[in-house]
N, C-alpha and C. Protein backbone atom coordinates (compact mmCIF):
# COMPACT_ATOMS: atom_id res chain seq x y z
N UNK A 1 122.95 150.33 142.30
CA UNK A 1 121.90 149.80 141.40
C UNK A 1 121.92 148.25 141.45
N UNK A 2 120.92 147.61 141.48
CA UNK A 2 120.90 146.16 141.64
C UNK A 2 120.83 145.74 140.02
N UNK A 3 121.71 144.70 139.80
CA UNK A 3 121.79 144.10 138.53
C UNK A 3 120.88 142.96 138.29
N UNK A 4 120.17 143.06 137.31
CA UNK A 4 119.16 141.79 136.88
C UNK A 4 120.12 140.63 136.45
N UNK A 5 119.74 139.41 136.72
CA UNK A 5 120.28 138.35 136.16
C UNK A 5 119.38 137.35 135.82
N UNK A 6 119.51 136.65 134.67
CA UNK A 6 118.80 135.69 134.22
C UNK A 6 119.14 134.34 134.68
N UNK A 7 118.05 133.46 134.79
CA UNK A 7 118.39 132.17 135.21
C UNK A 7 117.77 131.25 134.34
N UNK A 8 118.19 129.99 134.19
CA UNK A 8 117.66 128.92 133.32
C UNK A 8 116.71 128.19 134.18
N UNK A 9 115.50 128.13 133.64
CA UNK A 9 114.55 127.27 134.44
C UNK A 9 114.63 125.77 133.84
N UNK A 10 114.86 124.66 134.67
CA UNK A 10 114.94 123.33 134.22
C UNK A 10 113.87 122.58 134.57
N UNK A 11 112.71 123.21 134.93
CA UNK A 11 111.45 122.56 135.25
C UNK A 11 111.28 122.24 136.79
N UNK A 12 110.36 121.50 137.07
CA UNK A 12 110.06 121.27 138.48
C UNK A 12 111.12 120.21 138.96
N UNK A 13 111.31 120.38 140.35
CA UNK A 13 112.29 119.45 141.00
C UNK A 13 111.79 117.97 141.06
N UNK A 14 112.59 116.97 140.47
CA UNK A 14 112.11 115.58 140.25
C UNK A 14 112.39 114.81 141.32
N UNK A 15 112.96 115.25 142.31
CA UNK A 15 113.33 114.37 143.43
C UNK A 15 112.16 113.73 144.10
N UNK A 16 112.08 112.37 144.14
CA UNK A 16 111.10 111.46 144.78
C UNK A 16 109.80 111.69 144.16
N UNK A 17 109.71 111.95 142.84
CA UNK A 17 108.34 112.10 142.10
C UNK A 17 108.51 111.21 140.87
N UNK A 18 107.37 110.79 140.30
CA UNK A 18 107.43 110.00 138.89
C UNK A 18 107.85 110.96 137.96
N UNK A 19 108.34 110.54 137.06
CA UNK A 19 108.79 111.32 135.82
C UNK A 19 107.31 111.75 135.19
N UNK A 20 107.49 113.03 134.69
CA UNK A 20 106.30 113.43 133.82
C UNK A 20 106.29 112.79 132.49
N UNK A 21 104.98 112.50 132.09
CA UNK A 21 104.90 112.07 130.65
C UNK A 21 104.93 113.09 129.67
N UNK A 22 105.56 112.90 128.76
CA UNK A 22 105.86 114.07 127.66
C UNK A 22 104.62 114.14 126.80
N UNK A 23 104.18 115.26 126.63
CA UNK A 23 102.93 115.55 125.89
C UNK A 23 103.27 116.09 124.35
N UNK A 24 102.86 115.34 123.51
CA UNK A 24 103.20 115.74 122.11
C UNK A 24 102.26 116.87 121.65
N UNK A 25 102.66 117.86 121.19
CA UNK A 25 101.89 119.09 120.72
C UNK A 25 101.84 118.89 119.32
N UNK A 26 100.65 118.84 118.63
CA UNK A 26 100.56 118.83 117.20
C UNK A 26 100.01 120.06 116.83
N UNK A 27 100.07 120.39 115.50
CA UNK A 27 99.43 121.46 114.86
C UNK A 27 97.97 120.97 114.76
N UNK A 28 97.03 122.08 115.10
CA UNK A 28 95.66 121.86 115.06
C UNK A 28 95.27 121.51 113.59
N UNK A 29 94.40 120.63 113.35
CA UNK A 29 93.86 120.45 112.00
C UNK A 29 92.41 120.78 111.84
N UNK A 30 92.17 121.15 110.77
CA UNK A 30 90.81 121.69 110.53
C UNK A 30 90.17 120.83 109.20
N UNK A 31 88.99 120.84 108.95
CA UNK A 31 88.44 120.14 107.89
C UNK A 31 87.85 121.30 106.89
N UNK A 32 88.49 121.21 105.54
CA UNK A 32 88.16 122.02 104.61
C UNK A 32 87.47 121.37 103.54
N UNK A 33 86.28 121.97 102.92
CA UNK A 33 85.73 121.15 101.65
C UNK A 33 86.62 121.21 100.58
N UNK A 34 86.79 120.21 99.87
CA UNK A 34 87.74 120.09 98.65
C UNK A 34 87.37 121.29 97.80
N UNK A 35 86.24 121.58 97.50
CA UNK A 35 85.67 122.62 96.52
C UNK A 35 86.37 124.06 96.99
N UNK A 36 86.64 124.24 98.24
CA UNK A 36 87.18 125.53 98.65
C UNK A 36 88.71 125.64 98.41
N UNK A 37 89.35 124.46 98.81
CA UNK A 37 90.79 124.40 98.83
C UNK A 37 91.53 124.06 97.46
N UNK A 38 90.85 123.46 96.43
CA UNK A 38 91.30 123.02 95.29
C UNK A 38 91.77 124.19 94.37
N UNK A 39 90.75 125.02 94.18
CA UNK A 39 91.00 126.30 93.31
C UNK A 39 92.31 127.08 93.66
N UNK A 40 92.50 127.13 94.99
CA UNK A 40 93.62 127.78 95.75
C UNK A 40 94.94 127.24 95.32
N UNK A 41 94.87 125.82 95.56
CA UNK A 41 96.04 125.00 95.28
C UNK A 41 96.46 124.94 93.84
N UNK A 42 95.37 124.83 93.04
CA UNK A 42 95.77 124.86 91.61
C UNK A 42 96.41 126.13 91.11
N UNK A 43 95.83 127.24 91.61
CA UNK A 43 96.31 128.50 91.15
C UNK A 43 97.78 128.69 91.84
N UNK A 44 97.95 128.31 92.99
CA UNK A 44 99.36 128.27 93.43
C UNK A 44 100.30 127.44 92.71
N UNK A 45 99.99 126.29 92.31
CA UNK A 45 100.65 125.30 91.50
C UNK A 45 101.07 126.05 90.00
N UNK A 46 99.97 126.46 89.45
CA UNK A 46 100.27 127.11 88.22
C UNK A 46 101.16 128.32 88.07
N UNK A 47 101.12 128.96 89.31
CA UNK A 47 101.82 130.20 89.44
C UNK A 47 103.25 130.05 90.18
N UNK A 48 103.40 128.70 90.46
CA UNK A 48 104.72 128.34 90.93
C UNK A 48 104.97 129.06 92.27
N UNK A 49 104.07 129.22 93.15
CA UNK A 49 104.23 129.73 94.50
C UNK A 49 105.09 129.09 95.49
N UNK A 50 106.04 129.82 95.99
CA UNK A 50 107.01 129.27 96.90
C UNK A 50 106.40 128.57 98.20
N UNK A 51 105.27 129.16 98.65
CA UNK A 51 104.78 128.63 99.86
C UNK A 51 104.36 127.23 99.56
N UNK A 52 103.71 126.86 98.34
CA UNK A 52 103.23 125.69 98.05
C UNK A 52 104.39 124.56 98.31
N UNK A 53 105.61 124.79 97.92
CA UNK A 53 106.64 124.02 97.89
C UNK A 53 107.18 123.74 99.38
N UNK A 54 106.83 124.68 100.15
CA UNK A 54 107.18 124.55 101.68
C UNK A 54 106.39 123.35 102.18
N UNK A 55 105.16 123.07 101.69
CA UNK A 55 104.25 122.00 102.37
C UNK A 55 104.32 120.71 101.56
N UNK A 56 105.38 120.79 100.58
CA UNK A 56 105.40 119.48 99.66
C UNK A 56 105.58 118.17 100.40
N UNK A 57 105.99 118.22 101.61
CA UNK A 57 106.32 116.89 102.31
C UNK A 57 105.18 116.59 103.19
N UNK A 58 104.16 117.58 103.43
CA UNK A 58 103.07 117.45 104.27
C UNK A 58 102.08 116.23 103.73
N UNK A 59 101.57 115.50 104.72
CA UNK A 59 100.57 114.66 104.12
C UNK A 59 98.96 115.14 104.17
N UNK A 60 98.12 114.79 103.23
CA UNK A 60 96.76 114.93 103.42
C UNK A 60 95.94 113.63 103.64
N UNK A 61 94.86 113.77 104.39
CA UNK A 61 93.99 112.66 104.63
C UNK A 61 92.85 112.98 103.65
N UNK A 62 92.75 111.86 102.83
CA UNK A 62 91.63 111.83 101.87
C UNK A 62 90.75 110.74 102.12
N UNK A 63 89.47 110.70 101.70
CA UNK A 63 88.64 109.46 101.68
C UNK A 63 89.12 108.41 100.79
N UNK A 64 88.80 107.06 101.13
CA UNK A 64 89.19 106.07 100.24
C UNK A 64 88.60 106.01 98.89
N UNK A 65 87.47 106.49 98.83
CA UNK A 65 86.71 106.40 97.39
C UNK A 65 87.46 107.63 96.63
N UNK A 66 87.84 108.84 97.22
CA UNK A 66 88.53 109.86 96.37
C UNK A 66 89.72 109.27 96.00
N UNK A 67 90.57 108.68 96.93
CA UNK A 67 91.77 108.05 96.60
C UNK A 67 91.72 107.06 95.27
N UNK A 68 90.80 106.32 95.25
CA UNK A 68 90.58 105.28 94.29
C UNK A 68 90.30 106.07 93.02
N UNK A 69 89.39 106.92 93.11
CA UNK A 69 89.16 107.82 91.82
C UNK A 69 90.28 108.51 91.31
N UNK A 70 91.10 109.00 92.24
CA UNK A 70 92.45 109.68 91.72
C UNK A 70 93.44 108.68 91.06
N UNK A 71 93.55 107.51 91.70
CA UNK A 71 94.22 106.39 91.11
C UNK A 71 93.70 106.12 89.79
N UNK A 72 92.59 105.78 89.51
CA UNK A 72 91.92 105.55 88.27
C UNK A 72 92.28 106.71 87.21
N UNK A 73 92.15 107.88 87.63
CA UNK A 73 92.41 109.12 86.76
C UNK A 73 93.76 109.06 86.42
N UNK A 74 94.76 108.90 87.37
CA UNK A 74 96.20 108.81 87.00
C UNK A 74 96.46 107.80 86.00
N UNK A 75 95.87 106.56 86.06
CA UNK A 75 96.13 105.54 85.16
C UNK A 75 95.61 105.86 83.74
N UNK A 76 94.39 106.67 83.67
CA UNK A 76 93.80 107.02 82.48
C UNK A 76 94.75 108.03 81.78
N UNK A 77 95.47 109.06 82.58
CA UNK A 77 96.25 109.98 82.20
C UNK A 77 97.57 109.54 81.67
N UNK A 78 97.99 108.50 82.04
CA UNK A 78 99.30 107.90 81.49
C UNK A 78 99.20 107.77 79.86
N UNK A 79 100.24 108.14 79.26
CA UNK A 79 100.32 108.01 77.76
C UNK A 79 100.46 106.50 77.37
N UNK A 80 99.80 106.09 76.45
CA UNK A 80 99.94 104.62 76.02
C UNK A 80 101.33 104.44 75.39
N UNK A 81 101.82 103.16 75.50
CA UNK A 81 103.12 102.85 75.02
C UNK A 81 103.15 102.61 73.55
């Protein structure tokens, strides 16, 4: 009986060829209206869902005007000294 053996594939033979450029594969992004995602995030935050913490270091892209409104709201929310 012939025995199967596994071999490690190291890619194409590079002899005499230009090195291949590396392709960066990123996670696909989608656009979601804030009115759809905000209630879900708020609920997950209030209920301390673990999956929300998994994404704590991720970044979100927001429009400049929304960011400015959020900064103003943050300043408004700070207790006065």
